[in-house]
Amino acid sequence: MSEDAGAGSDDFSGLGGFFFYVFLVHPITAWILRPGRFERKKSIMYAIAFLAALAAVKTGLEIQQQGPNYYQILDVTRESNPLEIKRAYKKLGLKLHPDKNPSPDAADEFDRVKQAYDILMDLELRDVYNKFGKEGVRDNKRYSETQFLIEVAIFYVSWAVMAFLLTMGKKSGQARDWVFTGLIVMLVVEVVVMTSQDNPIPTWLLPTVTERDIVRIMHSLFPAFMNGCRSLGSFLFVDVDAQLRQFLLALQEQNKDILLVLRDVQIGVQNIQANGISGGGFGGGPLQSTGNIPVTTEGGIPTKATPTGKIRELQDRLQYSNATVAQAVQSLKTENKSSNLGFYGMIIGYIVISYLFG
């Protein structure tokens, strides 16, 4: 596998992978999680299975495009000593030498084996390869704490900004917490892996995986993790404000119905009084008025003391309550949603960052 193919894979796992997840994977996941499509538990299981399978396939294809690393080419491990590496090289050299290998790519295959042998036999170059890959060896790169911190800051700050823009809005609050937690965990793992003297992954678990491979796999899987959090967070979100708004609207309609009934009762009482029947018996003392509702008088006698006054007081109270409910409903109508301008700005920003610091 040539270095050009590896570069193409890196480009796909970066900018191309970003668009792949945002514009294809996220809509499909949203379709799976659409209310009423499946049962709630099944929807979550199907979405997680879809995202996990897709991320595994995509990452597997990227690893396959990158080709085997030097340890895998020679069939040795990170703990192999120079003698074991030399034995493995001689064994492969006899098998893949162009004089004995009939393959049309025999020369390229033998050159890769020779290159792997030269790098792994040099302990200094071997350490550079483990942390920075073939590109680091080619550019004679050495570990610099300042350079490492700058590169890490650029990567994680840019992804933090993208994640924030993609999770704007009330529905994505929980998803934003998950995404930033994943970013922090990935950052800690990368710092530990890249700053340690030896690969912290046990040899018995992943004997041929380098520090560079671990970081690359994490970076490749993060877009899938982020979009999975977005989809599941939106699906599991419970809009308490919307439920409260529906309750207040129902209460407002109930107040309106009661006002209509009281108006009919008031008209009936007024008709009875107009026919000469005294109306003094609504039992009990007058209703206590709230400080926000004015009390009117007729000839020095509070109107609340009469039957029609009591009904009017109830109307005033219901009207005041209705106005309060309407104000509460209005205040709940403003929701923070991500705008299209912010979404497209996020895409442009990602493209710029990718080409400036890629």
Protein backbone atom coordinates (compact mmCIF):
# COMPACT_ATOMS: atom_id res chain seq x y z
CA MET A 1 0.00 0.00 0.00
CA SER A 2 1.50 3.29 -1.08
CA GLU A 3 1.72 6.44 0.98
CA ASP A 4 -0.61 8.19 -1.48
CA ALA A 5 -3.33 5.71 -0.63
CA GLY A 6 -2.74 6.32 3.05
CA ALA A 7 -3.05 10.06 2.50
CA GLY A 8 -6.31 9.55 0.66
CA SER A 9 -7.59 7.48 3.54
CA ASP A 10 -6.67 10.22 6.00
CA ASP A 11 -8.56 12.74 3.88
CA PHE A 12 -11.61 10.50 3.80
CA SER A 13 -11.50 9.94 7.56
CA GLY A 14 -11.25 13.70 8.09
CA LEU A 15 -13.25 16.04 5.88
CA GLY A 16 -15.00 13.36 3.83
CA GLY A 17 -15.90 11.37 6.90
CA PHE A 18 -17.29 14.48 8.55
CA PHE A 19 -19.70 15.14 5.66
CA PHE A 20 -20.50 11.44 5.41
CA TYR A 21 -21.72 11.32 9.00
CA VAL A 22 -23.44 14.73 9.03
CA PHE A 23 -25.36 14.48 5.77
CA LEU A 24 -25.94 10.73 5.42
CA VAL A 25 -25.57 8.84 8.68
CA HIS A 26 -27.36 11.34 10.92
CA PRO A 27 -30.53 11.52 8.74
CA ILE A 28 -30.70 7.72 8.55
CA THR A 29 -30.33 7.44 12.31
CA ALA A 30 -33.01 10.09 12.79
CA TRP A 31 -35.30 8.07 10.52
CA ILE A 32 -34.74 4.95 12.67
CA LEU A 33 -35.46 6.93 15.83
CA ARG A 34 -38.52 8.72 14.50
CA PRO A 35 -41.39 8.40 17.03
CA GLY A 36 -43.78 5.65 16.03
CA ARG A 37 -41.33 3.91 13.70
CA PHE A 38 -40.44 1.19 16.19
CA GLU A 39 -40.91 0.57 19.88
CA ARG A 40 -38.81 2.88 22.05
CA LYS A 41 -36.32 0.24 23.23
CA LYS A 42 -36.06 -1.30 19.77
CA SER A 43 -35.45 2.10 18.19
CA ILE A 44 -32.51 2.74 20.52
CA MET A 45 -31.10 -0.76 19.95
CA TYR A 46 -31.44 -0.49 16.15
CA ALA A 47 -29.83 2.96 16.10
CA ILE A 48 -26.87 1.90 18.27
CA ALA A 49 -26.38 -1.28 16.23
CA PHE A 50 -26.50 0.69 12.98
CA LEU A 51 -23.98 3.28 14.18
CA ALA A 52 -21.64 0.66 15.67
CA ALA A 53 -21.71 -1.50 12.55
CA LEU A 54 -21.19 1.47 10.25
CA ALA A 55 -18.30 2.83 12.33
CA ALA A 56 -16.69 -0.61 12.44
CA VAL A 57 -16.98 -1.10 8.69
CA LYS A 58 -15.77 2.41 7.88
CA THR A 59 -12.81 2.20 10.25
CA GLY A 60 -11.97 -1.28 8.99
CA LEU A 61 -11.92 -0.04 5.39
CA GLU A 62 -9.67 2.87 6.37
CA ILE A 63 -7.25 0.53 8.13
CA GLN A 64 -7.27 -1.77 5.12
CA GLN A 65 -6.54 1.16 2.79
CA GLN A 66 -3.65 2.25 4.98
CA GLY A 67 -2.18 -1.22 4.76
CA PRO A 68 -0.25 -3.14 7.42
CA ASN A 69 2.24 -1.33 9.60
CA TYR A 70 5.87 -2.35 9.82
CA TYR A 71 5.29 -4.77 12.69
CA GLN A 72 2.55 -6.53 10.74
CA ILE A 73 4.68 -6.64 7.59
CA LEU A 74 7.49 -8.44 9.40
CA ASP A 75 5.09 -10.41 11.60
CA VAL A 76 6.75 -9.26 14.81
CA THR A 77 5.50 -7.41 17.91
CA ARG A 78 6.44 -4.17 19.63
CA GLU A 79 8.44 -6.19 22.15
CA SER A 80 10.47 -8.08 19.56
CA ASN A 81 14.22 -7.70 19.97
CA PRO A 82 16.64 -7.02 17.07
CA LEU A 83 17.48 -10.73 16.75
CA GLU A 84 13.83 -11.68 16.28
CA ILE A 85 13.36 -8.87 13.77
CA LYS A 86 16.41 -9.99 11.80
CA ARG A 87 15.13 -13.58 11.68
CA ALA A 88 11.74 -12.42 10.46
CA TYR A 89 13.38 -10.25 7.80
CA LYS A 90 15.56 -13.04 6.49
CA LYS A 91 12.59 -15.36 6.31
CA LEU A 92 10.52 -12.88 4.33
CA GLY A 93 13.51 -11.80 2.25
CA LEU A 94 14.04 -15.31 0.96
CA LYS A 95 10.35 -15.57 0.16
CA LEU A 96 9.75 -12.14 -1.40
CA HIS A 97 13.05 -11.47 -3.17
CA PRO A 98 12.36 -10.50 -6.79
CA ASP A 99 14.53 -13.39 -7.99
CA LYS A 100 12.21 -15.89 -6.29
CA ASN A 101 8.88 -14.03 -6.17
CA PRO A 102 6.93 -14.28 -9.47
CA SER A 103 4.52 -11.52 -8.48
CA PRO A 104 4.59 -8.41 -10.71
CA ASP A 105 4.79 -6.33 -7.51
CA ALA A 106 7.68 -8.34 -6.11
CA ALA A 107 10.06 -5.37 -6.10
CA ASP A 108 7.61 -3.16 -4.21
CA GLU A 109 6.85 -5.89 -1.69
CA PHE A 110 10.53 -6.51 -1.05
CA ASP A 111 11.18 -2.78 -0.69
CA ARG A 112 8.46 -2.51 1.97
CA VAL A 113 9.97 -5.39 3.90
CA LYS A 114 13.43 -3.82 3.64
CA GLN A 115 12.07 -0.44 4.77
CA ALA A 116 10.28 -2.02 7.74
CA TYR A 117 13.46 -3.85 8.72
CA ASP A 118 15.61 -0.71 8.52
CA ILE A 119 13.19 1.29 10.70
CA LEU A 120 12.54 -1.33 13.36
CA MET A 121 16.20 -2.20 13.74
CA ASP A 122 17.03 1.42 14.57
CA LEU A 123 15.68 2.01 18.06
CA GLU A 124 15.52 5.79 17.60
CA LEU A 125 13.67 5.59 14.28
CA ARG A 126 11.50 2.86 15.73
CA ASP A 127 10.32 5.17 18.48
CA VAL A 128 9.63 7.93 15.96
CA TYR A 129 7.66 5.49 13.81
CA ASN A 130 5.60 4.28 16.76
CA LYS A 131 4.45 7.79 17.59
CA PHE A 132 4.33 9.54 14.21
CA GLY A 133 4.16 6.83 11.56
CA LYS A 134 5.94 6.75 8.22
CA GLU A 135 5.39 10.46 7.75
CA GLY A 136 7.26 11.19 10.96
CA VAL A 137 10.21 9.07 9.86
CA ARG A 138 10.22 10.69 6.42
CA ASP A 139 10.17 14.21 7.92
CA ASN A 140 12.70 13.27 10.61
CA LYS A 141 10.16 14.33 13.24
CA ARG A 142 11.00 14.26 16.92
CA TYR A 143 8.76 14.56 19.93
CA SER A 144 8.41 18.15 21.07
CA GLU A 145 6.13 18.93 23.97
CA THR A 146 5.34 22.40 22.62
CA GLN A 147 4.58 21.14 19.11
CA PHE A 148 2.51 18.29 20.50
CA LEU A 149 0.43 20.61 22.68
CA ILE A 150 -0.16 22.96 19.73
CA GLU A 151 -1.34 20.12 17.50
CA VAL A 152 -3.57 18.68 20.21
CA ALA A 153 -5.03 22.11 20.97
CA ILE A 154 -5.83 22.75 17.29
CA PHE A 155 -7.51 19.38 16.85
CA TYR A 156 -9.58 19.35 20.02
CA VAL A 157 -10.55 23.02 20.00
CA SER A 158 -11.74 22.77 16.39
CA TRP A 159 -13.77 19.64 17.16
CA ALA A 160 -15.15 21.21 20.33
CA VAL A 161 -16.39 24.18 18.30
CA MET A 162 -17.94 21.90 15.67
CA ALA A 163 -19.57 19.75 18.34
CA PHE A 164 -20.97 22.82 20.07
CA LEU A 165 -22.47 24.16 16.84
CA LEU A 166 -23.92 20.76 15.92
CA THR A 167 -25.51 20.35 19.35
CA MET A 168 -27.01 23.81 19.67
CA GLY A 169 -30.60 23.89 20.84
CA LYS A 170 -32.51 22.65 23.81
CA LYS A 171 -32.97 19.14 22.43
CA SER A 172 -29.23 18.55 22.18
CA GLY A 173 -28.23 19.58 25.69
CA GLN A 174 -27.74 16.02 26.87
CA ALA A 175 -25.99 15.06 23.64
CA ARG A 176 -23.57 17.97 24.10
CA ASP A 177 -22.62 16.62 27.54
CA TRP A 178 -21.96 13.18 26.06
CA VAL A 179 -19.90 14.57 23.18
CA PHE A 180 -17.71 16.74 25.38
CA THR A 181 -17.23 13.86 27.80
CA GLY A 182 -16.05 11.72 24.89
CA LEU A 183 -13.70 14.48 23.76
CA ILE A 184 -12.18 14.74 27.22
CA VAL A 185 -11.71 10.96 27.48
CA MET A 186 -10.13 10.86 24.02
CA LEU A 187 -7.84 13.76 24.92
CA VAL A 188 -6.67 12.03 28.11
CA VAL A 189 -6.00 8.77 26.25
CA GLU A 190 -4.08 10.55 23.50
CA VAL A 191 -1.93 12.50 25.97
CA VAL A 192 -1.15 9.34 27.94
CA VAL A 193 -0.35 7.36 24.80
CA MET A 194 1.82 10.01 23.15
CA THR A 195 3.75 11.14 26.22
CA SER A 196 4.53 7.73 27.70
CA GLN A 197 7.91 6.15 27.03
CA ASP A 198 6.34 2.82 26.10
CA ASN A 199 3.01 1.98 24.54
CA PRO A 200 0.57 1.63 27.48
CA ILE A 201 -1.51 -0.95 25.59
CA PRO A 202 -0.53 -4.46 26.78
CA THR A 203 1.42 -6.45 24.23
CA TRP A 204 -0.79 -9.48 24.73
CA LEU A 205 -3.85 -7.43 23.75
CA LEU A 206 -2.69 -5.54 20.66
CA PRO A 207 0.88 -6.68 20.02
CA THR A 208 1.38 -4.92 16.68
CA VAL A 209 -0.55 -1.66 17.25
CA THR A 210 1.51 1.51 17.61
CA GLU A 211 0.69 4.73 19.42
CA ARG A 212 0.03 6.36 16.06
CA ASP A 213 -2.49 3.64 15.19
CA ILE A 214 -4.39 4.14 18.45
CA VAL A 215 -4.69 7.90 17.97
CA ARG A 216 -5.74 7.50 14.34
CA ILE A 217 -8.46 4.99 15.23
CA MET A 218 -9.84 7.27 17.96
CA HIS A 219 -9.93 10.24 15.58
CA SER A 220 -11.68 8.10 12.98
CA LEU A 221 -14.35 6.85 15.40
CA PHE A 222 -15.14 10.21 16.97
CA PRO A 223 -17.45 11.53 14.17
CA ALA A 224 -19.58 8.38 14.53
CA PHE A 225 -19.68 8.82 18.30
CA MET A 226 -20.64 12.50 18.01
CA ASN A 227 -23.47 11.94 15.52
CA GLY A 228 -24.71 8.97 17.53
CA CYS A 229 -24.92 11.21 20.60
CA ARG A 230 -26.79 13.83 18.58
CA SER A 231 -29.39 11.35 17.35
CA LEU A 232 -29.90 9.53 20.65
CA GLY A 233 -29.89 12.76 22.66
CA SER A 234 -32.65 14.26 20.53
CA PHE A 235 -34.65 11.03 20.72
CA LEU A 236 -34.40 10.73 24.52
CA PHE A 237 -35.04 14.42 25.13
CA VAL A 238 -38.21 15.24 27.10
CA ASP A 239 -39.43 18.79 26.52
CA VAL A 240 -40.74 19.76 29.94
CA ASP A 241 -41.46 23.29 28.75
CA ALA A 242 -43.64 21.98 25.92
CA GLN A 243 -45.59 19.81 28.33
CA LEU A 244 -46.03 22.74 30.70
CA ARG A 245 -47.12 24.93 27.81
CA GLN A 246 -49.79 22.40 26.81
CA PHE A 247 -51.01 22.27 30.40
CA LEU A 248 -51.22 26.06 30.61
CA LEU A 249 -53.07 26.25 27.30
CA ALA A 250 -55.57 23.68 28.56
CA LEU A 251 -55.99 25.70 31.76
CA GLN A 252 -56.49 28.84 29.70
CA GLU A 253 -59.24 27.18 27.65
CA GLN A 254 -60.86 25.94 30.85
CA ASN A 255 -60.88 29.48 32.26
CA LYS A 256 -62.53 30.74 29.09
CA ASP A 257 -65.27 28.11 29.38
CA ILE A 258 -65.90 29.04 33.02
CA LEU A 259 -66.09 32.73 32.09
CA LEU A 260 -68.74 31.96 29.49
CA VAL A 261 -70.78 30.00 32.02
CA LEU A 262 -70.48 32.79 34.62
CA ARG A 263 -71.57 35.34 32.04
CA ASP A 264 -74.71 33.32 31.37
CA VAL A 265 -75.35 33.03 35.13
CA GLN A 266 -74.88 36.79 35.57
CA ILE A 267 -77.37 37.52 32.82
CA GLY A 268 -79.86 35.17 34.45
CA VAL A 269 -79.43 36.84 37.87
CA GLN A 270 -79.86 40.27 36.36
CA ASN A 271 -83.09 39.14 34.69
CA ILE A 272 -84.38 37.82 38.01
CA GLN A 273 -83.53 41.10 39.76
CA ALA A 274 -85.18 43.07 36.99
CA ASN A 275 -88.40 41.12 37.61
CA GLY A 276 -88.43 42.35 41.25
CA ILE A 277 -87.04 39.32 43.06
CA SER A 278 -84.53 40.14 45.79
CA GLY A 279 -81.20 38.43 45.46
CA GLY A 280 -79.50 38.43 48.78
CA GLY A 281 -78.96 34.81 49.41
CA PHE A 282 -75.85 33.38 48.01
CA GLY A 283 -74.87 32.06 51.43
CA GLY A 284 -71.72 33.01 53.24
CA GLY A 285 -69.87 36.29 53.43
CA PRO A 286 -68.51 38.18 50.50
CA LEU A 287 -65.58 36.76 48.63
CA GLN A 288 -62.23 38.24 49.59
CA SER A 289 -60.73 40.18 46.73
CA THR A 290 -57.06 40.01 45.91
CA GLY A 291 -54.95 43.12 46.06
CA ASN A 292 -54.53 43.07 42.26
CA ILE A 293 -58.29 43.15 41.55
CA PRO A 294 -60.08 46.47 42.19
CA VAL A 295 -63.32 46.56 44.21
CA THR A 296 -65.97 48.90 42.83
CA THR A 297 -68.88 50.38 44.80
CA GLU A 298 -72.42 51.43 43.98
CA GLY A 299 -73.79 54.14 46.29
CA GLY A 300 -71.16 53.41 48.93
CA ILE A 301 -72.06 49.68 49.00
CA PRO A 302 -69.41 47.30 47.59
CA THR A 303 -70.79 45.53 44.56
CA LYS A 304 -69.11 42.34 45.75
CA ALA A 305 -71.77 42.09 48.44
CA THR A 306 -74.51 41.49 45.86
CA PRO A 307 -75.06 38.25 43.92
CA THR A 308 -74.07 39.90 40.66
CA GLY A 309 -71.05 41.43 42.43
CA LYS A 310 -69.94 37.99 43.60
CA ILE A 311 -70.26 36.65 40.09
CA ARG A 312 -68.35 39.66 38.77
CA GLU A 313 -65.61 39.02 41.30
CA LEU A 314 -65.28 35.46 40.08
CA GLN A 315 -65.07 36.80 36.54
CA ASP A 316 -62.37 39.27 37.55
CA ARG A 317 -60.38 36.54 39.23
CA LEU A 318 -60.67 34.22 36.24
CA GLN A 319 -59.74 37.01 33.84
CA TYR A 320 -56.70 37.83 35.97
CA SER A 321 -55.73 34.15 36.11
CA ASN A 322 -56.29 33.88 32.35
CA ALA A 323 -53.96 36.81 31.72
CA THR A 324 -51.31 35.26 33.97
CA VAL A 325 -51.55 31.94 32.14
CA ALA A 326 -51.33 33.68 28.76
CA GLN A 327 -48.19 35.50 29.88
CA ALA A 328 -46.62 32.24 31.06
CA VAL A 329 -47.44 30.56 27.75
CA GLN A 330 -45.90 33.44 25.82
CA SER A 331 -42.69 33.24 27.84
CA LEU A 332 -42.37 29.52 27.06
CA LYS A 333 -42.68 30.00 23.31
CA THR A 334 -39.11 31.21 22.93
CA GLU A 335 -36.80 28.21 22.45
CA ASN A 336 -33.13 28.16 21.60
CA LYS A 337 -32.72 26.46 18.24
CA SER A 338 -29.70 26.20 16.05
CA SER A 339 -30.02 28.41 13.01
CA ASN A 340 -29.16 27.43 9.46
CA LEU A 341 -26.61 30.23 9.40
CA GLY A 342 -24.72 28.66 12.31
CA PHE A 343 -24.87 25.22 10.67
CA TYR A 344 -23.41 26.42 7.38
CA GLY A 345 -20.88 28.55 9.23
CA MET A 346 -19.78 25.42 11.07
CA ILE A 347 -19.26 23.58 7.77
CA ILE A 348 -17.23 26.44 6.28
CA GLY A 349 -15.18 26.67 9.46
CA TYR A 350 -14.42 22.95 9.39
CA ILE A 351 -13.28 23.13 5.76
CA VAL A 352 -11.00 26.07 6.51
CA ILE A 353 -9.49 24.36 9.58
CA SER A 354 -9.00 21.12 7.67
CA TYR A 355 -7.01 22.77 4.89
CA LEU A 356 -5.04 25.09 7.16
CA PHE A 357 -3.99 22.49 9.71
CA GLY A 358 -4.62 19.22 7.89
